[in-house]
Amino acid sequence: MKILYFMLPLALLVGCAKKNSAPTTDEQQIVKQSVILTGSRPASAILKASAFKMSGDYSDKVAITLNDDGTLAYFPAPSDISANSRPLDLGEGWWLNRQGLSSRSVFTRYTFEEYASLPAVPSPEELKAAVIPGARVTDFRKLDMPAYEASERLPEIKAQLGITK
């Protein structure tokens, strides 16, 4: 029994010394597998789906987001725009956000096709000059699901938003 009292602290010291040394190949492989299984980003970094309403039908127009002082907070590169960037009509004025809009987004005169074919990103001045007066997001809601799942969960989204049709 006395040997057990002596061996237990010794085993703990050896275990602690092992933890502070460089990881072995096996330990490195376990870490790599853990990253693959759990993902490289924490769950809080996963983009949540969102839906919005707008002041008119600008569903074919590229949006930009302005800061409170009128400077650009977000604008896409032409290469960022595709057919999958267009919002999906959910009904009752709600649209599924697929472009990265926020409550401060406004719509430009650029259609998705026009913008995607541009050879370069317009200057900040050009983007702000292209804003359609009064064309803005009027209501914005974050949804209880990751953005990458939203297209497959439209009935659930409609229920969250209270859409009855």
N, C-alpha and C. Protein backbone atom coordinates (compact mmCIF):
# COMPACT_ATOMS: atom_id res chain seq x y z
N MET A 1 0.82 -1.18 0.00
CA MET A 1 0.00 0.00 0.00
C MET A 1 0.87 1.26 0.00
N LYS A 2 1.98 1.22 0.76
CA LYS A 2 2.89 2.36 0.79
C LYS A 2 3.49 2.61 -0.59
N ILE A 3 3.73 1.56 -1.33
CA ILE A 3 4.29 1.70 -2.67
C ILE A 3 3.29 2.46 -3.56
N LEU A 4 2.01 2.18 -3.40
CA LEU A 4 0.97 2.86 -4.18
C LEU A 4 1.01 4.37 -3.91
N TYR A 5 1.16 4.76 -2.64
CA TYR A 5 1.24 6.17 -2.30
C TYR A 5 2.48 6.83 -2.92
N PHE A 6 3.55 6.08 -3.07
CA PHE A 6 4.76 6.59 -3.67
C PHE A 6 4.65 6.63 -5.20
N MET A 7 4.04 5.62 -5.79
CA MET A 7 3.97 5.49 -7.24
C MET A 7 2.96 6.47 -7.86
N LEU A 8 1.87 6.75 -7.16
CA LEU A 8 0.84 7.62 -7.71
C LEU A 8 1.39 9.03 -8.00
N PRO A 9 2.05 9.70 -7.05
CA PRO A 9 2.62 11.01 -7.37
C PRO A 9 3.69 10.94 -8.47
N LEU A 10 4.46 9.86 -8.47
CA LEU A 10 5.50 9.69 -9.49
C LEU A 10 4.85 9.55 -10.87
N ALA A 11 3.76 8.79 -10.96
CA ALA A 11 3.05 8.61 -12.23
C ALA A 11 2.46 9.94 -12.70
N LEU A 12 1.93 10.73 -11.78
CA LEU A 12 1.40 12.04 -12.15
C LEU A 12 2.49 12.96 -12.67
N LEU A 13 3.67 12.92 -12.04
CA LEU A 13 4.78 13.75 -12.50
C LEU A 13 5.22 13.34 -13.89
N VAL A 14 5.31 12.07 -14.14
CA VAL A 14 5.70 11.57 -15.46
C VAL A 14 4.65 11.97 -16.49
N GLY A 15 3.38 11.84 -16.10
CA GLY A 15 2.30 12.25 -17.01
C GLY A 15 2.36 13.72 -17.33
N CYS A 16 2.62 14.57 -16.33
CA CYS A 16 2.71 16.01 -16.55
C CYS A 16 3.93 16.35 -17.40
N ALA A 17 5.03 15.69 -17.16
CA ALA A 17 6.23 15.94 -17.96
C ALA A 17 5.96 15.59 -19.41
N LYS A 18 5.23 14.52 -19.66
CA LYS A 18 4.90 14.10 -21.01
C LYS A 18 4.04 15.15 -21.71
N LYS A 19 3.08 15.74 -20.98
CA LYS A 19 2.18 16.74 -21.56
C LYS A 19 2.93 17.99 -21.99
N ASN A 20 3.99 18.35 -21.28
CA ASN A 20 4.72 19.56 -21.58
C ASN A 20 5.75 19.37 -22.69
N SER A 21 6.01 18.15 -23.09
CA SER A 21 6.97 17.91 -24.16
C SER A 21 6.28 18.06 -25.51
N ALA A 22 7.08 18.06 -26.56
CA ALA A 22 6.53 18.19 -27.92
C ALA A 22 5.63 17.00 -28.22
N PRO A 23 4.54 17.23 -28.96
CA PRO A 23 3.63 16.14 -29.26
C PRO A 23 4.27 15.10 -30.17
N THR A 24 3.92 13.85 -29.92
CA THR A 24 4.42 12.76 -30.75
C THR A 24 3.63 12.74 -32.05
N THR A 25 4.07 11.92 -32.97
CA THR A 25 3.36 11.78 -34.24
C THR A 25 1.93 11.31 -34.00
N ASP A 26 1.74 10.37 -33.07
CA ASP A 26 0.40 9.88 -32.76
C ASP A 26 -0.48 11.00 -32.21
N GLU A 27 0.09 11.81 -31.30
CA GLU A 27 -0.67 12.92 -30.73
C GLU A 27 -1.01 13.95 -31.81
N GLN A 28 -0.08 14.21 -32.72
CA GLN A 28 -0.34 15.15 -33.81
C GLN A 28 -1.47 14.64 -34.70
N GLN A 29 -1.48 13.33 -34.96
CA GLN A 29 -2.53 12.75 -35.80
C GLN A 29 -3.89 12.86 -35.11
N ILE A 30 -3.93 12.68 -33.80
CA ILE A 30 -5.19 12.81 -33.06
C ILE A 30 -5.69 14.24 -33.17
N VAL A 31 -4.79 15.21 -33.03
CA VAL A 31 -5.19 16.61 -33.15
C VAL A 31 -5.72 16.88 -34.55
N LYS A 32 -5.04 16.39 -35.58
CA LYS A 32 -5.50 16.60 -36.96
C LYS A 32 -6.88 16.00 -37.16
N GLN A 33 -7.10 14.78 -36.66
CA GLN A 33 -8.39 14.14 -36.81
C GLN A 33 -9.46 14.92 -36.05
N SER A 34 -9.13 15.46 -34.89
CA SER A 34 -10.10 16.24 -34.12
C SER A 34 -10.51 17.49 -34.89
N VAL A 35 -9.55 18.14 -35.53
CA VAL A 35 -9.87 19.33 -36.30
C VAL A 35 -10.78 18.97 -37.47
N ILE A 36 -10.49 17.85 -38.13
CA ILE A 36 -11.32 17.41 -39.25
C ILE A 36 -12.73 17.09 -38.77
N LEU A 37 -12.85 16.39 -37.65
CA LEU A 37 -14.15 15.99 -37.16
C LEU A 37 -14.95 17.15 -36.60
N THR A 38 -14.30 18.07 -35.93
CA THR A 38 -15.02 19.15 -35.29
C THR A 38 -15.02 20.44 -36.09
N GLY A 39 -14.21 20.52 -37.11
CA GLY A 39 -14.12 21.74 -37.91
C GLY A 39 -13.05 22.64 -37.35
N SER A 40 -12.58 23.55 -38.16
CA SER A 40 -11.49 24.41 -37.74
C SER A 40 -11.98 25.70 -37.09
N ARG A 41 -13.30 25.98 -37.16
CA ARG A 41 -13.83 27.19 -36.56
C ARG A 41 -14.81 26.83 -35.47
N PRO A 42 -14.88 27.65 -34.43
CA PRO A 42 -15.88 27.38 -33.40
C PRO A 42 -17.28 27.58 -33.94
N ALA A 43 -18.26 26.93 -33.34
CA ALA A 43 -19.64 27.00 -33.81
C ALA A 43 -20.15 28.43 -33.87
N SER A 44 -19.66 29.30 -33.01
CA SER A 44 -20.12 30.68 -33.02
C SER A 44 -19.70 31.44 -34.27
N ALA A 45 -18.75 30.91 -35.02
CA ALA A 45 -18.27 31.58 -36.23
C ALA A 45 -19.09 31.17 -37.46
N ILE A 46 -19.99 30.25 -37.32
CA ILE A 46 -20.80 29.81 -38.45
C ILE A 46 -21.82 30.89 -38.77
N LEU A 47 -21.85 31.32 -40.02
CA LEU A 47 -22.77 32.35 -40.46
C LEU A 47 -24.21 31.87 -40.32
N LYS A 48 -25.02 32.65 -39.64
CA LYS A 48 -26.43 32.33 -39.47
C LYS A 48 -27.21 32.82 -40.68
N ALA A 49 -28.24 32.08 -41.03
CA ALA A 49 -29.13 32.50 -42.11
C ALA A 49 -29.88 33.74 -41.65
N SER A 50 -30.33 34.52 -42.64
CA SER A 50 -31.11 35.71 -42.32
C SER A 50 -32.12 35.96 -43.43
N ALA A 51 -33.12 36.72 -43.08
CA ALA A 51 -34.17 37.10 -44.02
C ALA A 51 -34.39 38.60 -43.89
N PHE A 52 -34.92 39.18 -44.95
CA PHE A 52 -35.12 40.62 -44.93
C PHE A 52 -36.34 41.01 -45.76
N LYS A 53 -36.81 42.22 -45.50
CA LYS A 53 -37.80 42.89 -46.34
C LYS A 53 -37.12 44.11 -46.92
N MET A 54 -37.65 44.59 -48.06
CA MET A 54 -37.07 45.77 -48.67
C MET A 54 -38.16 46.76 -49.06
N SER A 55 -37.74 47.98 -49.33
CA SER A 55 -38.69 49.06 -49.60
C SER A 55 -39.36 48.97 -50.98
N GLY A 56 -38.97 48.05 -51.79
CA GLY A 56 -39.54 47.81 -53.11
C GLY A 56 -39.01 46.49 -53.62
N ASP A 57 -39.35 46.12 -54.83
CA ASP A 57 -38.81 44.87 -55.37
C ASP A 57 -37.46 45.12 -56.03
N TYR A 58 -36.43 44.93 -55.26
CA TYR A 58 -35.06 45.08 -55.74
C TYR A 58 -34.35 43.73 -55.73
N SER A 59 -35.11 42.67 -55.89
CA SER A 59 -34.56 41.32 -55.78
C SER A 59 -33.54 40.99 -56.85
N ASP A 60 -33.50 41.77 -57.93
CA ASP A 60 -32.52 41.54 -58.99
C ASP A 60 -31.38 42.56 -58.92
N LYS A 61 -31.28 43.29 -57.83
CA LYS A 61 -30.28 44.34 -57.70
C LYS A 61 -29.24 43.97 -56.66
N VAL A 62 -28.00 44.32 -56.94
CA VAL A 62 -26.89 44.07 -56.03
C VAL A 62 -26.97 45.09 -54.89
N ALA A 63 -26.78 44.61 -53.69
CA ALA A 63 -26.83 45.47 -52.51
C ALA A 63 -25.43 45.76 -52.00
N ILE A 64 -25.30 46.89 -51.35
CA ILE A 64 -24.09 47.25 -50.62
C ILE A 64 -24.55 47.67 -49.22
N THR A 65 -23.64 47.70 -48.30
CA THR A 65 -23.99 48.09 -46.93
C THR A 65 -23.17 49.31 -46.54
N LEU A 66 -23.87 50.27 -45.97
CA LEU A 66 -23.23 51.51 -45.55
C LEU A 66 -23.13 51.58 -44.03
N ASN A 67 -22.07 52.20 -43.56
CA ASN A 67 -21.95 52.51 -42.13
C ASN A 67 -22.86 53.70 -41.82
N ASP A 68 -23.04 53.98 -40.56
CA ASP A 68 -23.87 55.12 -40.15
C ASP A 68 -23.38 56.44 -40.73
N ASP A 69 -22.08 56.56 -40.95
CA ASP A 69 -21.53 57.80 -41.50
C ASP A 69 -21.54 57.85 -43.03
N GLY A 70 -22.13 56.82 -43.68
CA GLY A 70 -22.24 56.80 -45.13
C GLY A 70 -21.09 56.15 -45.86
N THR A 71 -20.06 55.72 -45.12
CA THR A 71 -18.96 55.01 -45.77
C THR A 71 -19.37 53.57 -46.04
N LEU A 72 -18.67 52.93 -46.96
CA LEU A 72 -18.99 51.55 -47.32
C LEU A 72 -18.54 50.59 -46.23
N ALA A 73 -19.44 49.74 -45.81
CA ALA A 73 -19.11 48.69 -44.85
C ALA A 73 -18.96 47.35 -45.56
N TYR A 74 -19.74 47.13 -46.62
CA TYR A 74 -19.69 45.87 -47.37
C TYR A 74 -20.05 46.16 -48.82
N PHE A 75 -19.31 45.53 -49.71
CA PHE A 75 -19.68 45.50 -51.12
C PHE A 75 -19.01 44.27 -51.71
N PRO A 76 -19.69 43.60 -52.63
CA PRO A 76 -19.11 42.39 -53.20
C PRO A 76 -18.16 42.71 -54.36
N ALA A 77 -17.28 41.79 -54.63
CA ALA A 77 -16.51 41.83 -55.86
C ALA A 77 -17.40 41.23 -56.95
N PRO A 78 -17.22 41.62 -58.19
CA PRO A 78 -18.02 41.00 -59.25
C PRO A 78 -17.91 39.47 -59.26
N SER A 79 -16.75 38.94 -58.91
CA SER A 79 -16.58 37.48 -58.88
C SER A 79 -17.35 36.82 -57.73
N ASP A 80 -17.80 37.61 -56.76
CA ASP A 80 -18.60 37.07 -55.64
C ASP A 80 -20.05 36.85 -56.03
N ILE A 81 -20.48 37.45 -57.12
CA ILE A 81 -21.88 37.42 -57.52
C ILE A 81 -22.13 36.27 -58.49
N SER A 82 -23.18 35.50 -58.18
CA SER A 82 -23.59 34.38 -59.05
C SER A 82 -25.11 34.27 -58.98
N ALA A 83 -25.65 33.29 -59.69
CA ALA A 83 -27.09 33.05 -59.63
C ALA A 83 -27.52 32.74 -58.20
N ASN A 84 -26.63 32.17 -57.41
CA ASN A 84 -26.94 31.84 -56.02
C ASN A 84 -26.90 33.05 -55.10
N SER A 85 -26.55 34.21 -55.61
CA SER A 85 -26.54 35.43 -54.80
C SER A 85 -27.92 36.06 -54.70
N ARG A 86 -28.78 35.75 -55.64
CA ARG A 86 -30.11 36.35 -55.64
C ARG A 86 -30.90 35.87 -54.42
N PRO A 87 -31.65 36.77 -53.81
CA PRO A 87 -32.45 36.33 -52.66
C PRO A 87 -33.60 35.44 -53.12
N LEU A 88 -34.05 34.58 -52.22
CA LEU A 88 -35.19 33.70 -52.51
C LEU A 88 -36.45 34.31 -51.91
N ASP A 89 -37.49 34.38 -52.71
CA ASP A 89 -38.78 34.92 -52.26
C ASP A 89 -39.42 33.93 -51.30
N LEU A 90 -39.66 34.38 -50.08
CA LEU A 90 -40.29 33.54 -49.06
C LEU A 90 -41.79 33.81 -48.95
N GLY A 91 -42.23 34.93 -49.52
CA GLY A 91 -43.63 35.32 -49.43
C GLY A 91 -43.84 36.41 -48.40
N GLU A 92 -44.97 37.11 -48.54
CA GLU A 92 -45.36 38.17 -47.62
C GLU A 92 -44.27 39.23 -47.44
N GLY A 93 -43.52 39.48 -48.53
CA GLY A 93 -42.49 40.52 -48.51
C GLY A 93 -41.14 40.09 -47.96
N TRP A 94 -41.01 38.86 -47.49
CA TRP A 94 -39.76 38.36 -46.93
C TRP A 94 -38.92 37.70 -48.01
N TRP A 95 -37.60 37.86 -47.89
CA TRP A 95 -36.64 37.28 -48.82
C TRP A 95 -35.53 36.61 -48.01
N LEU A 96 -35.08 35.46 -48.49
CA LEU A 96 -33.94 34.78 -47.86
C LEU A 96 -32.67 35.45 -48.36
N ASN A 97 -31.86 35.91 -47.45
CA ASN A 97 -30.61 36.61 -47.75
C ASN A 97 -29.57 35.62 -48.27
N ARG A 98 -29.08 35.85 -49.46
CA ARG A 98 -28.02 35.01 -50.00
C ARG A 98 -26.86 35.85 -50.54
N GLN A 99 -26.83 37.13 -50.16
CA GLN A 99 -25.78 38.02 -50.65
C GLN A 99 -24.94 38.62 -49.53
N GLY A 100 -25.34 38.51 -48.31
CA GLY A 100 -24.58 39.11 -47.22
C GLY A 100 -25.12 40.46 -46.79
N LEU A 101 -26.41 40.66 -46.94
CA LEU A 101 -27.04 41.92 -46.56
C LEU A 101 -27.15 42.03 -45.04
N SER A 102 -27.37 43.26 -44.59
CA SER A 102 -27.64 43.52 -43.18
C SER A 102 -28.76 44.55 -43.09
N SER A 103 -29.08 44.96 -41.92
CA SER A 103 -30.15 45.94 -41.73
C SER A 103 -29.77 47.31 -42.31
N ARG A 104 -28.49 47.53 -42.59
CA ARG A 104 -28.03 48.80 -43.16
C ARG A 104 -27.76 48.72 -44.67
N SER A 105 -28.26 47.67 -45.32
CA SER A 105 -28.00 47.50 -46.75
C SER A 105 -28.93 48.35 -47.60
N VAL A 106 -28.40 48.80 -48.72
CA VAL A 106 -29.15 49.56 -49.72
C VAL A 106 -28.90 48.91 -51.07
N PHE A 107 -29.79 49.18 -52.02
CA PHE A 107 -29.71 48.52 -53.32
C PHE A 107 -29.20 49.47 -54.39
N THR A 108 -28.40 48.91 -55.30
CA THR A 108 -27.82 49.69 -56.38
C THR A 108 -28.59 49.43 -57.67
N ARG A 109 -28.29 50.21 -58.69
CA ARG A 109 -28.92 50.03 -60.00
C ARG A 109 -28.36 48.81 -60.73
N TYR A 110 -27.25 48.24 -60.25
CA TYR A 110 -26.63 47.10 -60.90
C TYR A 110 -27.49 45.85 -60.73
N THR A 111 -27.81 45.18 -61.85
CA THR A 111 -28.44 43.86 -61.74
C THR A 111 -27.33 42.86 -61.42
N PHE A 112 -27.71 41.68 -61.01
CA PHE A 112 -26.70 40.65 -60.71
C PHE A 112 -25.88 40.33 -61.96
N GLU A 113 -26.54 40.22 -63.11
CA GLU A 113 -25.82 39.91 -64.35
C GLU A 113 -24.84 41.03 -64.72
N GLU A 114 -25.29 42.27 -64.64
CA GLU A 114 -24.42 43.40 -64.97
C GLU A 114 -23.20 43.44 -64.05
N TYR A 115 -23.46 43.30 -62.77
CA TYR A 115 -22.38 43.42 -61.79
C TYR A 115 -21.37 42.28 -61.95
N ALA A 116 -21.87 41.07 -62.15
CA ALA A 116 -20.98 39.91 -62.30
C ALA A 116 -20.09 40.03 -63.53
N SER A 117 -20.54 40.77 -64.53
CA SER A 117 -19.75 40.90 -65.77
C SER A 117 -18.76 42.07 -65.73
N LEU A 118 -18.77 42.85 -64.66
CA LEU A 118 -17.82 43.96 -64.57
C LEU A 118 -16.39 43.43 -64.50
N PRO A 119 -15.45 44.12 -65.14
CA PRO A 119 -14.06 43.65 -65.11
C PRO A 119 -13.36 43.90 -63.77
N ALA A 120 -13.89 44.85 -62.98
CA ALA A 120 -13.28 45.18 -61.68
C ALA A 120 -14.36 45.72 -60.75
N VAL A 121 -14.03 45.76 -59.49
CA VAL A 121 -14.94 46.33 -58.50
C VAL A 121 -15.05 47.84 -58.74
N PRO A 122 -16.26 48.35 -58.81
CA PRO A 122 -16.41 49.81 -58.94
C PRO A 122 -15.80 50.52 -57.73
N SER A 123 -15.42 51.76 -57.93
CA SER A 123 -14.85 52.54 -56.83
C SER A 123 -15.94 52.80 -55.78
N PRO A 124 -15.54 53.14 -54.57
CA PRO A 124 -16.54 53.49 -53.55
C PRO A 124 -17.47 54.61 -54.02
N GLU A 125 -16.93 55.58 -54.71
CA GLU A 125 -17.76 56.69 -55.21
C GLU A 125 -18.78 56.18 -56.23
N GLU A 126 -18.34 55.29 -57.13
CA GLU A 126 -19.25 54.74 -58.14
C GLU A 126 -20.35 53.91 -57.48
N LEU A 127 -19.98 53.13 -56.48
CA LEU A 127 -20.97 52.31 -55.78
C LEU A 127 -22.01 53.18 -55.08
N LYS A 128 -21.55 54.18 -54.37
CA LYS A 128 -22.49 55.06 -53.67
C LYS A 128 -23.36 55.84 -54.65
N ALA A 129 -22.81 56.22 -55.81
CA ALA A 129 -23.59 56.94 -56.82
C ALA A 129 -24.63 56.03 -57.47
N ALA A 130 -24.40 54.71 -57.42
CA ALA A 130 -25.32 53.75 -58.03
C ALA A 130 -26.48 53.37 -57.12
N VAL A 131 -26.50 53.85 -55.89
CA VAL A 131 -27.58 53.53 -54.96
C VAL A 131 -28.89 54.12 -55.46
N ILE A 132 -29.91 53.31 -55.49
CA ILE A 132 -31.25 53.76 -55.88
C ILE A 132 -31.84 54.49 -54.68
N PRO A 133 -32.24 55.74 -54.84
CA PRO A 133 -32.79 56.49 -53.71
C PRO A 133 -33.97 55.76 -53.06
N GLY A 134 -33.90 55.60 -51.76
CA GLY A 134 -34.98 54.97 -51.00
C GLY A 134 -34.98 53.44 -51.06
N ALA A 135 -34.10 52.85 -51.84
CA ALA A 135 -34.06 51.38 -51.97
C ALA A 135 -33.20 50.81 -50.85
N ARG A 136 -33.86 50.27 -49.84
CA ARG A 136 -33.12 49.80 -48.66
C ARG A 136 -33.81 48.60 -48.01
N VAL A 137 -33.09 47.96 -47.12
CA VAL A 137 -33.64 46.91 -46.29
C VAL A 137 -34.49 47.59 -45.22
N THR A 138 -35.74 47.12 -45.08
CA THR A 138 -36.64 47.74 -44.09
C THR A 138 -36.85 46.88 -42.86
N ASP A 139 -36.59 45.59 -42.96
CA ASP A 139 -36.70 44.69 -41.81
C ASP A 139 -35.68 43.59 -42.01
N PHE A 140 -35.05 43.15 -40.94
CA PHE A 140 -33.97 42.16 -41.04
C PHE A 140 -34.06 41.23 -39.84
N ARG A 141 -34.01 39.93 -40.09
CA ARG A 141 -34.07 38.94 -39.01
C ARG A 141 -33.01 37.87 -39.18
N LYS A 142 -32.28 37.60 -38.11
CA LYS A 142 -31.38 36.45 -38.08
C LYS A 142 -32.24 35.23 -37.79
N LEU A 143 -31.89 34.11 -38.42
CA LEU A 143 -32.67 32.88 -38.27
C LEU A 143 -31.91 31.86 -37.44
N ASP A 144 -32.63 30.88 -36.94
CA ASP A 144 -32.05 29.87 -36.04
C ASP A 144 -31.45 28.69 -36.79
N MET A 145 -30.61 28.97 -37.79
CA MET A 145 -29.96 27.90 -38.54
C MET A 145 -28.76 28.46 -39.28
N PRO A 146 -27.81 27.60 -39.62
CA PRO A 146 -26.67 28.06 -40.42
C PRO A 146 -27.13 28.46 -41.83
N ALA A 147 -26.48 29.44 -42.41
CA ALA A 147 -26.84 29.91 -43.75
C ALA A 147 -26.75 28.79 -44.79
N TYR A 148 -25.78 27.88 -44.64
CA TYR A 148 -25.62 26.83 -45.64
C TYR A 148 -26.78 25.83 -45.64
N GLU A 149 -27.61 25.82 -44.61
CA GLU A 149 -28.76 24.90 -44.55
C GLU A 149 -30.07 25.57 -44.96
N ALA A 150 -30.09 26.87 -45.10
CA ALA A 150 -31.33 27.62 -45.25
C ALA A 150 -32.15 27.22 -46.48
N SER A 151 -31.53 27.02 -47.61
CA SER A 151 -32.28 26.69 -48.83
C SER A 151 -33.06 25.39 -48.71
N GLU A 152 -32.58 24.48 -47.89
CA GLU A 152 -33.27 23.20 -47.69
C GLU A 152 -34.29 23.25 -46.57
N ARG A 153 -34.37 24.36 -45.85
CA ARG A 153 -35.26 24.44 -44.69
C ARG A 153 -36.26 25.59 -44.81
N LEU A 154 -36.73 25.83 -46.02
CA LEU A 154 -37.64 26.96 -46.27
C LEU A 154 -38.93 26.89 -45.45
N PRO A 155 -39.58 25.73 -45.31
CA PRO A 155 -40.80 25.69 -44.48
C PRO A 155 -40.54 26.13 -43.03
N GLU A 156 -39.41 25.73 -42.49
CA GLU A 156 -39.05 26.11 -41.12
C GLU A 156 -38.79 27.61 -41.02
N ILE A 157 -38.15 28.17 -42.04
CA ILE A 157 -37.89 29.61 -42.07
C ILE A 157 -39.20 30.38 -42.11
N LYS A 158 -40.11 29.94 -42.97
CA LYS A 158 -41.40 30.60 -43.09
C LYS A 158 -42.14 30.57 -41.75
N ALA A 159 -42.05 29.46 -41.05
CA ALA A 159 -42.69 29.36 -39.73
C ALA A 159 -42.05 30.34 -38.75
N GLN A 160 -40.73 30.45 -38.76
CA GLN A 160 -40.04 31.40 -37.88
C GLN A 160 -40.47 32.83 -38.15
N LEU A 161 -40.73 33.14 -39.41
CA LEU A 161 -41.10 34.52 -39.79
C LEU A 161 -42.60 34.77 -39.70
N GLY A 162 -43.38 33.71 -39.45
CA GLY A 162 -44.83 33.85 -39.37
C GLY A 162 -45.50 33.96 -40.73
N ILE A 163 -44.84 33.45 -41.76
CA ILE A 163 -45.41 33.47 -43.11
C ILE A 163 -46.39 32.34 -43.22
N THR A 164 -47.62 32.65 -43.59
CA THR A 164 -48.68 31.64 -43.61
C THR A 164 -48.92 31.03 -44.99
N LYS A 165 -48.40 31.61 -46.02
CA LYS A 165 -48.63 31.09 -47.38
C LYS A 165 -47.48 30.30 -47.88
